[in-house]
């Protein structure tokens, strides 16, 4: 009876010894699997295949003061992966790993990202919350943030990064994001078309300019208000109001004449100016800093008809100050001189 118990114990010792030998072989593989270098490779492999979960599992996304949480969570990672440049990773290689302490390493990575060769050093830290086989911790690569400097026009629309609105209270001109390529959009307004630019935020301080191109609707609304103003010229104050017939005073002892650019004096009994074509064609619209205020300017051409038959051609310019009431331009204060030069 005693002999059999010792034999059983011996078998247990022998089995543990064999497992120990096998564990020696497994140790190298597990050490590699749960290492700073592998965590870094796994992060970029996940990014290459567009796997937001894989990126989140292997990284800590660093944020600076004033950053918006919405631009660093899983939804933000998924959104940035919609930009094809972020999955365009080739030849990702670990060129060196330097241990800082038992919980921190510096990993140098080389890669071709969206056609550009890049080398970067990442800090990788041990994840004490994730332990495998009682001995091996996961590691997380720290992904730095970049700050995008955004130039916006006057009275801009709200700003999105990868389709995510920059939260109210956060800066729309200095936006912290996860390192990578990002689509920065100014949403369209009553005055502007939407505008999108790609920010190469792999670098620390990228910049984009959202131009604020006047929308077709804003141009049409401005043109309508300006044409109304042209047609409402006060002929009692101005002597070149379009489509108004001016008559010389009834005094037979005088000859009345006009002095116009490029012509000798023009004697008249009656005269009328007409605007040739559409003066708002090709006009320039500028949104001012003051809320709901816009200026416009353009060129114009006119014909002076004297005594019903003699015609003289001119060109000139005009400018206007407009006020938006929420659905249209409620007023257009137009100043024009469409006969400032001979055509």
Protein backbone atom coordinates (compact mmCIF):
# COMPACT_ATOMS: atom_id res chain seq x y z
CA UNK A 1 0.00 0.00 0.00
CA UNK A 2 2.77 2.43 0.88
CA UNK A 3 4.75 1.55 -2.22
CA UNK A 4 1.87 2.41 -4.52
CA UNK A 5 1.47 5.88 -2.93
CA UNK A 6 5.14 6.66 -3.55
CA UNK A 7 4.80 5.50 -7.11
CA UNK A 8 1.83 7.81 -7.64
CA UNK A 9 3.72 10.74 -6.16
CA UNK A 10 6.65 9.95 -8.40
CA UNK A 11 4.40 10.07 -11.43
CA UNK A 12 3.11 13.51 -10.39
CA UNK A 13 6.66 14.84 -10.01
CA UNK A 14 7.65 13.36 -13.35
CA UNK A 15 4.59 14.93 -15.04
CA UNK A 16 5.33 18.35 -13.56
CA UNK A 17 8.92 18.02 -14.73
CA UNK A 18 7.82 17.30 -18.28
CA UNK A 19 5.39 20.26 -18.22
CA UNK A 20 8.17 22.43 -16.90
CA UNK A 21 10.37 21.49 -19.84
CA UNK A 22 7.52 22.22 -22.24
CA UNK A 23 6.91 25.53 -20.47
CA UNK A 24 10.50 26.50 -21.17
CA UNK A 25 9.82 26.20 -24.89
CA UNK A 26 6.46 27.99 -24.55
CA UNK A 27 7.99 30.87 -22.55
CA UNK A 28 9.86 32.38 -25.51
CA UNK A 29 6.76 32.35 -27.67
CA UNK A 30 4.58 33.88 -24.96
CA UNK A 31 7.17 36.53 -24.17
CA UNK A 32 7.16 37.52 -27.81
CA UNK A 33 3.38 37.39 -28.05
CA UNK A 34 2.92 39.65 -25.04
CA UNK A 35 5.65 42.21 -25.75
CA UNK A 36 5.89 45.92 -26.54
CA UNK A 37 7.00 45.19 -30.10
CA UNK A 38 4.11 42.84 -30.81
CA UNK A 39 1.54 45.24 -29.33
CA UNK A 40 2.84 47.92 -31.68
CA UNK A 41 2.71 45.62 -34.69
CA UNK A 42 -0.79 44.46 -33.72
CA UNK A 43 -1.98 48.07 -33.50
CA UNK A 44 -0.84 48.95 -37.00
CA UNK A 45 -2.04 45.62 -38.39
CA UNK A 46 -5.51 46.42 -37.03
CA UNK A 47 -5.33 49.90 -38.54
CA UNK A 48 -4.32 48.44 -41.90
CA UNK A 49 -7.34 46.13 -41.99
CA UNK A 50 -9.70 48.85 -40.71
CA UNK A 51 -10.32 47.14 -37.38
CA UNK A 52 -11.29 49.71 -34.74
CA UNK A 53 -11.65 47.06 -32.02
CA UNK A 54 -8.13 45.80 -32.71
CA UNK A 55 -6.74 49.31 -32.51
CA UNK A 56 -8.54 50.00 -29.24
CA UNK A 57 -7.30 46.72 -27.76
CA UNK A 58 -3.64 47.56 -28.35
CA UNK A 59 -3.45 51.30 -27.76
CA UNK A 60 -3.95 54.16 -25.38
CA UNK A 61 -4.95 57.33 -27.20
CA UNK A 62 -3.30 60.29 -25.54
CA UNK A 63 -5.23 63.54 -25.14
CA UNK A 64 -4.16 67.04 -24.24
CA UNK A 65 -5.89 69.71 -22.21
CA UNK A 66 -9.01 71.00 -23.92
CA UNK A 67 -9.50 67.90 -26.06
CA UNK A 68 -12.96 66.57 -26.86
CA UNK A 69 -13.71 63.02 -25.68
CA UNK A 70 -15.87 62.46 -28.76
CA UNK A 71 -12.77 62.64 -30.99
CA UNK A 72 -10.87 59.92 -29.09
CA UNK A 73 -13.39 57.15 -28.41
CA UNK A 74 -14.17 54.03 -30.46
CA UNK A 75 -16.63 55.91 -32.67
CA UNK A 76 -13.86 58.37 -33.53
CA UNK A 77 -11.46 55.53 -34.37
CA UNK A 78 -14.08 53.92 -36.61
CA UNK A 79 -14.76 57.28 -38.27
CA UNK A 80 -11.11 58.03 -39.00
CA UNK A 81 -10.77 54.62 -40.65
CA UNK A 82 -13.18 55.84 -43.34
CA UNK A 83 -10.32 57.93 -44.71
CA UNK A 84 -8.53 55.48 -47.06
CA UNK A 85 -5.12 56.93 -46.20
CA UNK A 86 -5.31 55.46 -42.70
CA UNK A 87 -5.47 51.91 -44.02
CA UNK A 88 -2.74 52.52 -46.57
CA UNK A 89 0.09 51.07 -44.47
CA UNK A 90 2.96 49.07 -45.95
CA UNK A 91 6.24 47.60 -44.72
CA UNK A 92 5.54 48.15 -41.02
CA UNK A 93 8.69 47.06 -39.19
CA UNK A 94 10.09 47.32 -35.68
CA UNK A 95 13.61 48.68 -36.02
CA UNK A 96 14.46 48.80 -32.31
CA UNK A 97 13.02 48.30 -28.83
CA UNK A 98 14.52 50.04 -25.81
CA UNK A 99 13.46 49.10 -22.30
CA UNK A 100 12.98 52.14 -20.08
CA UNK A 101 11.91 50.17 -17.01
CA UNK A 102 9.98 46.99 -16.25
CA UNK A 103 6.73 48.62 -17.35
CA UNK A 104 7.81 50.94 -20.16
CA UNK A 105 9.57 50.55 -23.50
CA UNK A 106 10.38 52.77 -26.45
CA UNK A 107 9.63 51.11 -29.78
CA UNK A 108 10.90 52.53 -33.07
CA UNK A 109 8.72 51.75 -36.08
CA UNK A 110 9.34 52.32 -39.76
CA UNK A 111 6.55 52.17 -42.34
CA UNK A 112 5.17 53.59 -45.53
CA UNK A 113 1.99 55.46 -44.66
CA UNK A 114 -0.15 56.69 -47.57
CA UNK A 115 2.86 56.63 -49.84
CA UNK A 116 5.18 58.49 -47.45
CA UNK A 117 8.06 56.78 -45.63
CA UNK A 118 7.90 57.49 -41.92
CA UNK A 119 9.84 56.52 -38.80
CA UNK A 120 8.45 57.16 -35.33
CA UNK A 121 9.24 56.25 -31.73
CA UNK A 122 6.30 55.13 -29.60
CA UNK A 123 6.09 54.70 -25.86
CA UNK A 124 4.59 51.30 -24.98
CA UNK A 125 3.42 50.55 -21.43
CA UNK A 126 2.53 47.35 -19.63
CA UNK A 127 -1.21 46.89 -19.04
CA UNK A 128 -1.42 45.69 -15.45
CA UNK A 129 -5.14 44.96 -15.84
CA UNK A 130 -4.58 42.24 -18.44
CA UNK A 131 -2.58 39.18 -17.36
CA UNK A 132 -2.24 36.00 -19.42
CA UNK A 133 -1.15 32.58 -18.09
CA UNK A 134 -0.55 34.21 -14.68
CA UNK A 135 2.74 35.70 -15.91
CA UNK A 136 2.37 37.74 -19.09
CA UNK A 137 0.85 41.20 -19.28
CA UNK A 138 -0.58 42.84 -22.36
CA UNK A 139 1.10 46.03 -23.55
CA UNK A 140 -0.42 49.19 -24.98
CA UNK A 141 1.19 51.54 -27.44
CA UNK A 142 0.59 55.20 -26.66
CA UNK A 143 -0.72 56.96 -29.75
CA UNK A 144 0.01 60.69 -29.59
CA UNK A 145 -2.53 63.35 -30.44
CA UNK A 146 -2.09 65.98 -33.11
CA UNK A 147 -3.54 69.48 -33.05
CA UNK A 148 -5.15 70.61 -36.30
CA UNK A 149 -5.09 74.35 -36.86
CA UNK A 150 -8.24 75.26 -38.80
CA UNK A 151 -8.71 78.56 -40.61
CA UNK A 152 -12.38 79.44 -41.02
CA UNK A 153 -14.18 82.22 -42.93
CA UNK A 154 -16.34 84.87 -41.31
CA UNK A 155 -19.63 83.59 -39.89
CA UNK A 156 -18.59 79.95 -40.42
CA UNK A 157 -20.64 76.81 -40.25
CA UNK A 158 -20.10 74.21 -37.54
CA UNK A 159 -17.04 71.99 -37.91
CA UNK A 160 -16.86 68.20 -38.13
CA UNK A 161 -13.89 65.85 -37.94
CA UNK A 162 -14.51 62.62 -39.84
CA UNK A 163 -18.23 63.36 -39.68
CA UNK A 164 -18.22 63.92 -35.90
CA UNK A 165 -19.29 67.38 -34.78
CA UNK A 166 -16.76 69.28 -32.72
CA UNK A 167 -18.68 69.69 -29.44
CA UNK A 168 -20.04 73.05 -28.41
CA UNK A 169 -17.58 74.71 -26.08
CA UNK A 170 -14.57 73.15 -27.82
CA UNK A 171 -12.39 75.14 -30.16
CA UNK A 172 -13.20 74.77 -33.86
CA UNK A 173 -9.90 76.31 -34.91
CA UNK A 174 -7.51 74.23 -32.77
CA UNK A 175 -8.72 70.63 -32.70
CA UNK A 176 -6.95 67.71 -31.03
CA UNK A 177 -7.27 64.37 -32.84
CA UNK A 178 -5.79 60.88 -32.89
CA UNK A 179 -2.64 60.79 -35.02
CA UNK A 180 -3.60 59.95 -38.58
CA UNK A 181 -5.38 61.38 -41.60
CA UNK A 182 -8.62 63.23 -40.90
CA UNK A 183 -11.35 64.84 -42.96
CA UNK A 184 -12.17 68.27 -41.56
CA UNK A 185 -15.48 69.71 -42.76
CA UNK A 186 -17.24 73.02 -42.36
CA UNK A 187 -20.95 72.30 -42.69
CA UNK A 188 -22.83 74.44 -45.22
CA UNK A 189 -24.71 77.55 -44.09
CA UNK A 190 -27.06 80.12 -45.57
CA UNK A 191 -23.97 81.73 -47.10
CA UNK A 192 -21.52 78.90 -47.75
CA UNK A 193 -21.27 75.53 -49.43
CA UNK A 194 -19.88 72.77 -47.24
CA UNK A 195 -16.11 72.48 -47.52
CA UNK A 196 -13.90 69.49 -46.65
CA UNK A 197 -10.13 69.29 -46.45
CA UNK A 198 -7.87 66.36 -45.46
CA UNK A 199 -5.57 67.09 -42.53
CA UNK A 200 -2.36 65.07 -42.46
CA UNK A 201 -2.35 64.76 -38.70
CA UNK A 202 0.39 62.15 -38.63
CA UNK A 203 2.51 65.23 -37.98
CA UNK A 204 1.99 67.10 -34.74
CA UNK A 205 0.75 70.44 -36.05
CA UNK A 206 -1.10 70.16 -39.37
CA UNK A 207 -3.23 73.00 -40.70
CA UNK A 208 -6.19 73.28 -43.07
CA UNK A 209 -8.05 76.24 -44.53
CA UNK A 210 -11.78 75.92 -45.11
CA UNK A 211 -12.37 78.50 -47.83
CA UNK A 212 -16.02 79.34 -47.41
CA UNK A 213 -17.16 79.37 -51.02
CA UNK A 214 -20.39 81.33 -51.43
CA UNK A 215 -23.26 78.97 -52.20
CA UNK A 216 -25.35 79.20 -55.35
CA UNK A 217 -28.40 79.90 -53.18
CA UNK A 218 -26.67 82.81 -51.41
CA UNK A 219 -25.51 84.27 -54.73
CA UNK A 220 -29.01 83.99 -56.19
CA UNK A 221 -30.56 85.65 -53.13
CA UNK A 222 -28.02 88.47 -53.23
CA UNK A 223 -28.54 88.96 -56.96
CA UNK A 224 -32.30 89.25 -56.50
CA UNK A 225 -31.92 91.91 -53.80
CA UNK A 226 -29.35 93.86 -55.84
CA UNK A 227 -31.53 93.91 -58.96
CA UNK A 228 -34.43 95.27 -56.90
CA UNK A 229 -32.17 98.05 -55.64
CA UNK A 230 -31.02 98.91 -59.18
CA UNK A 231 -34.66 99.24 -60.23
CA UNK A 232 -35.57 101.36 -57.20
CA UNK A 233 -33.07 104.13 -57.90
CA UNK A 234 -34.38 107.54 -56.77
CA UNK A 235 -34.34 109.69 -59.92
CA UNK A 236 -34.99 112.84 -57.86
CA UNK A 237 -31.57 112.42 -56.25
CA UNK A 238 -29.48 110.78 -58.98
CA UNK A 239 -29.07 111.61 -62.65
CA UNK A 240 -28.18 108.11 -63.93
CA UNK A 241 -31.02 105.98 -62.62
CA UNK A 242 -31.67 103.14 -65.08
CA UNK A 243 -34.80 103.20 -67.24
CA UNK A 244 -35.80 106.72 -66.21
CA UNK A 245 -36.20 109.37 -68.91
CA UNK A 246 -34.63 112.68 -67.91
CA UNK A 247 -35.87 115.85 -69.70
CA UNK A 248 -33.98 119.12 -70.13
CA UNK A 249 -35.59 122.17 -68.54
CA UNK A 250 -38.01 123.99 -70.83
CA UNK A 251 -35.84 127.03 -71.50
CA UNK A 252 -35.27 127.80 -75.19
CA UNK A 253 -32.44 130.20 -74.38
CA UNK A 254 -30.14 127.38 -73.24
CA UNK A 255 -28.66 124.27 -74.76
CA UNK A 256 -28.39 121.51 -72.16
CA UNK A 257 -25.62 118.94 -72.44
CA UNK A 258 -23.98 116.03 -70.64
CA UNK A 259 -20.26 115.59 -70.03
CA UNK A 260 -19.49 111.91 -70.19
CA UNK A 261 -16.16 110.01 -70.13
CA UNK A 262 -14.58 109.55 -73.58
CA UNK A 263 -17.04 111.76 -75.48
CA UNK A 264 -17.32 115.46 -76.30
CA UNK A 265 -20.27 117.25 -74.77
CA UNK A 266 -23.54 115.54 -75.57
CA UNK A 267 -26.41 117.93 -76.20
CA UNK A 268 -29.79 116.58 -75.23
CA UNK A 269 -33.43 117.28 -74.85
CA UNK A 270 -34.07 113.90 -73.26
CA UNK A 271 -31.85 111.04 -72.18
CA UNK A 272 -32.21 107.63 -70.56
CA UNK A 273 -29.70 105.10 -69.23
CA UNK A 274 -30.31 101.38 -69.55
CA UNK A 275 -28.27 98.60 -67.94
CA UNK A 276 -26.86 96.15 -70.47
CA UNK A 277 -27.13 92.51 -69.44
CA UNK A 278 -27.15 91.28 -65.85
CA UNK A 279 -24.88 93.36 -63.58
CA UNK A 280 -24.78 90.55 -60.98
CA UNK A 281 -23.16 88.05 -63.37
CA UNK A 282 -19.73 87.18 -61.97
CA UNK A 283 -20.21 89.33 -58.89
CA UNK A 284 -18.06 88.81 -55.80
CA UNK A 285 -19.80 88.05 -52.52
CA UNK A 286 -17.95 88.58 -49.23
CA UNK A 287 -19.35 87.52 -45.86
CA UNK A 288 -18.46 90.06 -43.20
CA UNK A 289 -17.51 89.46 -39.57
CA UNK A 290 -20.70 91.19 -38.40
CA UNK A 291 -23.57 88.73 -38.09
CA UNK A 292 -25.89 88.58 -41.13
CA UNK A 293 -23.89 91.18 -43.04
CA UNK A 294 -22.58 90.55 -46.56
CA UNK A 295 -21.00 92.78 -49.19
CA UNK A 296 -21.13 92.29 -52.93
CA UNK A 297 -19.42 93.96 -55.88
CA UNK A 298 -19.27 93.61 -59.62
CA UNK A 299 -19.01 95.30 -62.98
CA UNK A 300 -21.77 96.73 -65.13
CA UNK A 301 -22.34 98.15 -68.59
CA UNK A 302 -24.84 100.79 -69.67
CA UNK A 303 -26.14 102.52 -72.77
CA UNK A 304 -27.07 106.20 -72.85
CA UNK A 305 -29.79 106.99 -75.38
CA UNK A 306 -30.15 110.68 -76.22
CA UNK A 307 -33.25 112.17 -77.84
CA UNK A 308 -34.51 108.68 -78.60
CA UNK A 309 -31.83 107.70 -81.14
CA UNK A 310 -28.23 108.65 -80.36
CA UNK A 311 -26.51 105.94 -78.33
CA UNK A 312 -23.35 105.98 -76.21
CA UNK A 313 -21.83 102.96 -74.46
CA UNK A 314 -20.17 102.87 -71.03
CA UNK A 315 -18.82 100.52 -68.39
CA UNK A 316 -18.46 100.83 -64.64
CA UNK A 317 -18.70 99.13 -61.26
CA UNK A 318 -21.10 98.70 -58.40
CA UNK A 319 -21.00 97.62 -54.75
CA UNK A 320 -23.62 96.68 -52.22
CA UNK A 321 -24.14 96.11 -48.51
CA UNK A 322 -26.69 93.40 -47.75
CA UNK A 323 -28.47 92.20 -44.62
CA UNK A 324 -29.73 88.63 -44.20
CA UNK A 325 -33.03 88.13 -42.36
CA UNK A 326 -32.89 84.35 -42.05
CA UNK A 327 -34.47 83.45 -45.38
CA UNK A 328 -33.50 86.22 -47.78
CA UNK A 329 -31.61 89.49 -48.00
CA UNK A 330 -34.02 92.03 -46.60
CA UNK A 331 -32.13 95.03 -47.89
CA UNK A 332 -29.43 95.87 -50.41
CA UNK A 333 -27.84 99.28 -50.27
CA UNK A 334 -26.31 99.50 -53.76
CA UNK A 335 -23.90 102.15 -54.96
CA UNK A 336 -23.21 102.09 -58.67
CA UNK A 337 -21.58 104.02 -61.48
CA UNK A 338 -22.17 102.09 -64.66
CA UNK A 339 -20.97 104.98 -66.82
CA UNK A 340 -17.55 105.69 -65.37
CA UNK A 341 -15.66 104.87 -68.60
CA UNK A 342 -16.34 104.75 -72.33
CA UNK A 343 -16.93 101.20 -73.48
